[in-house]
Amino acid sequence: MNSTEILKTITGVLDTLSKKLGVAADKIYPVLLQQVQVNLVQDIVSIIFSIIIIFATIIIGKIIYAKFNPKDSYEDADIANFFIYSIGIIICIISVVTICYDVNQIIQIVLNPNYFIFDQYIQPLIKK
């Protein structure tokens, strides 16, 4: 779909939606644009939170690792270190995936908010 078709589809769905809600169509689009801005802020906060989680995981992992002396050849220390690193790696991978997804969303919102409105809000209404 090119941008002209997307705008025609958005306009048609907004007209239908405005008739159902009893609100003028020109009042719905600004609300959707504001919601896009809210999504942008949520994505930025999510990225910041994910970065904090990564650093917290590293710091907590170092603190816990320091409690167990790696020079000790205790089996418990080896098992604990394995779990510390495993959990830390899983948390970091989840955080990195979240950051990648949010960056993708931010790029979509900044470059083409009309398509974002279409993709996130209008297209689900069309599919119903």
C-alpha atoms as a PDB file:
ATOM      1  CA  MET A   1       0.000   0.000   0.000  1.00  0.00           C
ATOM      2  CA  ASN A   2       1.317   3.434  -0.843  1.00  0.00           C
ATOM      3  CA  SER A   3       0.767   6.516   1.310  1.00  0.00           C
ATOM      4  CA  THR A   4      -2.230   7.743  -0.730  1.00  0.00           C
ATOM      5  CA  GLU A   5      -4.064   4.434  -0.277  1.00  0.00           C
ATOM      6  CA  ILE A   6      -3.229   4.415   3.425  1.00  0.00           C
ATOM      7  CA  LEU A   7      -4.606   7.939   3.892  1.00  0.00           C
ATOM      8  CA  LYS A   8      -7.789   7.038   1.969  1.00  0.00           C
ATOM      9  CA  THR A   9      -8.246   3.948   4.127  1.00  0.00           C
ATOM     10  CA  ILE A  10      -7.593   5.927   7.323  1.00  0.00           C
ATOM     11  CA  THR A  11     -10.094   8.567   6.234  1.00  0.00           C
ATOM     12  CA  GLY A  12     -12.748   5.960   5.406  1.00  0.00           C
ATOM     13  CA  VAL A  13     -12.336   4.092   8.678  1.00  0.00           C
ATOM     14  CA  LEU A  14     -12.276   7.341  10.666  1.00  0.00           C
ATOM     15  CA  ASP A  15     -15.507   8.440   8.996  1.00  0.00           C
ATOM     16  CA  THR A  16     -17.149   5.118   9.847  1.00  0.00           C
ATOM     17  CA  LEU A  17     -15.796   5.246  13.395  1.00  0.00           C
ATOM     18  CA  SER A  18     -16.936   8.830  13.860  1.00  0.00           C
ATOM     19  CA  LYS A  19     -20.471   7.909  12.769  1.00  0.00           C
ATOM     20  CA  LYS A  20     -20.538   5.026  15.258  1.00  0.00           C
ATOM     21  CA  LEU A  21     -19.222   7.212  18.084  1.00  0.00           C
ATOM     22  CA  GLY A  22     -21.265  10.264  17.156  1.00  0.00           C
ATOM     23  CA  VAL A  23     -18.143  12.424  17.040  1.00  0.00           C
ATOM     24  CA  ALA A  24     -16.786  14.497  14.183  1.00  0.00           C
ATOM     25  CA  ALA A  25     -14.083  12.675  12.208  1.00  0.00           C
ATOM     26  CA  ASP A  26     -11.716  15.624  12.486  1.00  0.00           C
ATOM     27  CA  LYS A  27     -11.726  15.113  16.282  1.00  0.00           C
ATOM     28  CA  ILE A  28     -10.614  11.462  16.109  1.00  0.00           C
ATOM     29  CA  TYR A  29      -7.394  11.853  14.109  1.00  0.00           C
ATOM     30  CA  PRO A  30      -5.754  14.331  16.545  1.00  0.00           C
ATOM     31  CA  VAL A  31      -6.528  11.910  19.367  1.00  0.00           C
ATOM     32  CA  LEU A  32      -4.805   9.129  17.424  1.00  0.00           C
ATOM     33  CA  LEU A  33      -1.786  11.368  16.848  1.00  0.00           C
ATOM     34  CA  GLN A  34      -1.631  12.073  20.580  1.00  0.00           C
ATOM     35  CA  GLN A  35      -1.784   8.335  21.241  1.00  0.00           C
ATOM     36  CA  VAL A  36       1.152   7.866  18.862  1.00  0.00           C
ATOM     37  CA  GLN A  37       3.093  10.386  20.961  1.00  0.00           C
ATOM     38  CA  VAL A  38       2.172   8.421  24.086  1.00  0.00           C
ATOM     39  CA  ASN A  39       3.466   5.243  22.415  1.00  0.00           C
ATOM     40  CA  LEU A  40       6.693   7.070  21.580  1.00  0.00           C
ATOM     41  CA  VAL A  41       7.193   8.086  25.221  1.00  0.00           C
ATOM     42  CA  GLN A  42       6.363   4.544  26.395  1.00  0.00           C
ATOM     43  CA  ASP A  43       8.952   3.095  24.024  1.00  0.00           C
ATOM     44  CA  ILE A  44      11.610   5.545  25.210  1.00  0.00           C
ATOM     45  CA  VAL A  45      10.852   4.731  28.861  1.00  0.00           C
ATOM     46  CA  SER A  46      10.981   1.019  28.025  1.00  0.00           C
ATOM     47  CA  ILE A  47      14.428   1.426  26.451  1.00  0.00           C
ATOM     48  CA  ILE A  48      15.708   3.335  29.483  1.00  0.00           C
ATOM     49  CA  PHE A  49      14.241   0.720  31.829  1.00  0.00           C
ATOM     50  CA  SER A  50      15.821  -2.106  29.807  1.00  0.00           C
ATOM     51  CA  ILE A  51      19.235  -0.421  29.939  1.00  0.00           C
ATOM     52  CA  ILE A  52      18.868   0.001  33.716  1.00  0.00           C
ATOM     53  CA  ILE A  53      17.955  -3.691  34.020  1.00  0.00           C
ATOM     54  CA  ILE A  54      21.054  -4.694  32.036  1.00  0.00           C
ATOM     55  CA  PHE A  55      23.363  -2.611  34.250  1.00  0.00           C
ATOM     56  CA  ALA A  56      21.621  -3.781  37.429  1.00  0.00           C
ATOM     57  CA  THR A  57      21.980  -7.392  36.322  1.00  0.00           C
ATOM     58  CA  ILE A  58      25.698  -6.910  35.712  1.00  0.00           C
ATOM     59  CA  ILE A  59      26.240  -5.164  39.057  1.00  0.00           C
ATOM     60  CA  ILE A  60      24.212  -7.685  41.045  1.00  0.00           C
ATOM     61  CA  GLY A  61      25.961 -10.534  39.239  1.00  0.00           C
ATOM     62  CA  LYS A  62      29.363  -9.102  40.182  1.00  0.00           C
ATOM     63  CA  ILE A  63      28.288  -8.674  43.814  1.00  0.00           C
ATOM     64  CA  ILE A  64      26.989 -12.228  44.058  1.00  0.00           C
ATOM     65  CA  TYR A  65      30.034 -13.576  42.228  1.00  0.00           C
ATOM     66  CA  ALA A  66      32.320 -11.740  44.672  1.00  0.00           C
ATOM     67  CA  LYS A  67      30.565 -13.488  47.566  1.00  0.00           C
ATOM     68  CA  PHE A  68      31.681 -16.836  46.217  1.00  0.00           C
ATOM     69  CA  ASN A  69      35.444 -16.972  46.012  1.00  0.00           C
ATOM     70  CA  PRO A  70      36.231 -18.296  42.527  1.00  0.00           C
ATOM     71  CA  LYS A  71      39.493 -19.717  43.879  1.00  0.00           C
ATOM     72  CA  ASP A  72      37.515 -22.102  46.005  1.00  0.00           C
ATOM     73  CA  SER A  73      36.902 -25.350  44.279  1.00  0.00           C
ATOM     74  CA  TYR A  74      33.610 -25.920  45.966  1.00  0.00           C
ATOM     75  CA  GLU A  75      30.998 -27.539  43.860  1.00  0.00           C
ATOM     76  CA  ASP A  76      28.409 -25.158  45.333  1.00  0.00           C
ATOM     77  CA  ALA A  77      30.368 -22.143  44.107  1.00  0.00           C
ATOM     78  CA  ASP A  78      30.514 -23.568  40.585  1.00  0.00           C
ATOM     79  CA  ILE A  79      26.788 -24.265  40.538  1.00  0.00           C
ATOM     80  CA  ALA A  80      25.991 -20.820  41.951  1.00  0.00           C
ATOM     81  CA  ASN A  81      28.201 -19.107  39.373  1.00  0.00           C
ATOM     82  CA  PHE A  82      26.568 -21.093  36.584  1.00  0.00           C
ATOM     83  CA  PHE A  83      23.102 -19.996  37.703  1.00  0.00           C
ATOM     84  CA  ILE A  84      24.214 -16.397  38.185  1.00  0.00           C
ATOM     85  CA  TYR A  85      25.604 -16.214  34.670  1.00  0.00           C
ATOM     86  CA  SER A  86      22.686 -18.108  33.143  1.00  0.00           C
ATOM     87  CA  ILE A  87      20.062 -15.867  34.715  1.00  0.00           C
ATOM     88  CA  GLY A  88      22.099 -12.764  33.886  1.00  0.00           C
ATOM     89  CA  ILE A  89      22.491 -13.760  30.255  1.00  0.00           C
ATOM     90  CA  ILE A  90      18.784 -14.535  29.905  1.00  0.00           C
ATOM     91  CA  ILE A  91      17.802 -11.192  31.456  1.00  0.00           C
ATOM     92  CA  CYS A  92      20.260  -9.336  29.205  1.00  0.00           C
ATOM     93  CA  ILE A  93      19.012 -11.109  26.071  1.00  0.00           C
ATOM     94  CA  ILE A  94      15.400 -10.266  26.907  1.00  0.00           C
ATOM     95  CA  SER A  95      16.375  -6.645  27.546  1.00  0.00           C
ATOM     96  CA  VAL A  96      18.301  -6.383  24.260  1.00  0.00           C
ATOM     97  CA  VAL A  97      15.358  -7.846  22.320  1.00  0.00           C
ATOM     98  CA  THR A  98      13.060  -5.331  24.029  1.00  0.00           C
ATOM     99  CA  ILE A  99      15.397  -2.487  23.117  1.00  0.00           C
ATOM    100  CA  CYS A 100      15.532  -3.604  19.465  1.00  0.00           C
ATOM    101  CA  TYR A 101      11.731  -3.826  19.283  1.00  0.00           C
ATOM    102  CA  ASP A 102      11.278  -0.401  20.875  1.00  0.00           C
ATOM    103  CA  VAL A 103      13.863   1.219  18.592  1.00  0.00           C
ATOM    104  CA  ASN A 104      11.971  -0.226  15.618  1.00  0.00           C
ATOM    105  CA  GLN A 105       8.714   1.240  16.965  1.00  0.00           C
ATOM    106  CA  ILE A 106      10.344   4.646  17.530  1.00  0.00           C
ATOM    107  CA  ILE A 107      11.721   4.699  13.986  1.00  0.00           C
ATOM    108  CA  GLN A 108       8.261   3.863  12.597  1.00  0.00           C
ATOM    109  CA  ILE A 109       6.610   6.575  14.678  1.00  0.00           C
ATOM    110  CA  VAL A 110       9.147   9.276  13.838  1.00  0.00           C
ATOM    111  CA  LEU A 111       9.437   8.547  10.122  1.00  0.00           C
ATOM    112  CA  ASN A 112       5.784   7.859   9.328  1.00  0.00           C
ATOM    113  CA  PRO A 113       3.204   8.407  12.070  1.00  0.00           C
ATOM    114  CA  ASN A 114       0.343   7.948   9.575  1.00  0.00           C
ATOM    115  CA  TYR A 115       1.466   4.426   8.785  1.00  0.00           C
ATOM    116  CA  PHE A 116       1.871   3.709  12.504  1.00  0.00           C
ATOM    117  CA  ILE A 117      -1.711   4.869  13.104  1.00  0.00           C
ATOM    118  CA  PHE A 118      -2.854   2.705  10.221  1.00  0.00           C
ATOM    119  CA  ASP A 119      -0.881  -0.347  11.341  1.00  0.00           C
ATOM    120  CA  GLN A 120      -1.667  -0.192  15.059  1.00  0.00           C
ATOM    121  CA  TYR A 121      -5.163   1.277  15.223  1.00  0.00           C
ATOM    122  CA  ILE A 122      -6.926   1.261  11.870  1.00  0.00           C
ATOM    123  CA  GLN A 123      -5.910  -2.117  10.443  1.00  0.00           C
ATOM    124  CA  PRO A 124      -7.266  -4.065  13.454  1.00  0.00           C
ATOM    125  CA  LEU A 125     -10.601  -2.286  12.946  1.00  0.00           C
ATOM    126  CA  ILE A 126     -10.619  -3.266   9.272  1.00  0.00           C
ATOM    127  CA  LYS A 127      -9.952  -6.923  10.096  1.00  0.00           C
ATOM    128  CA  LYS A 128     -12.979  -7.126  12.394  1.00  0.00           C
END
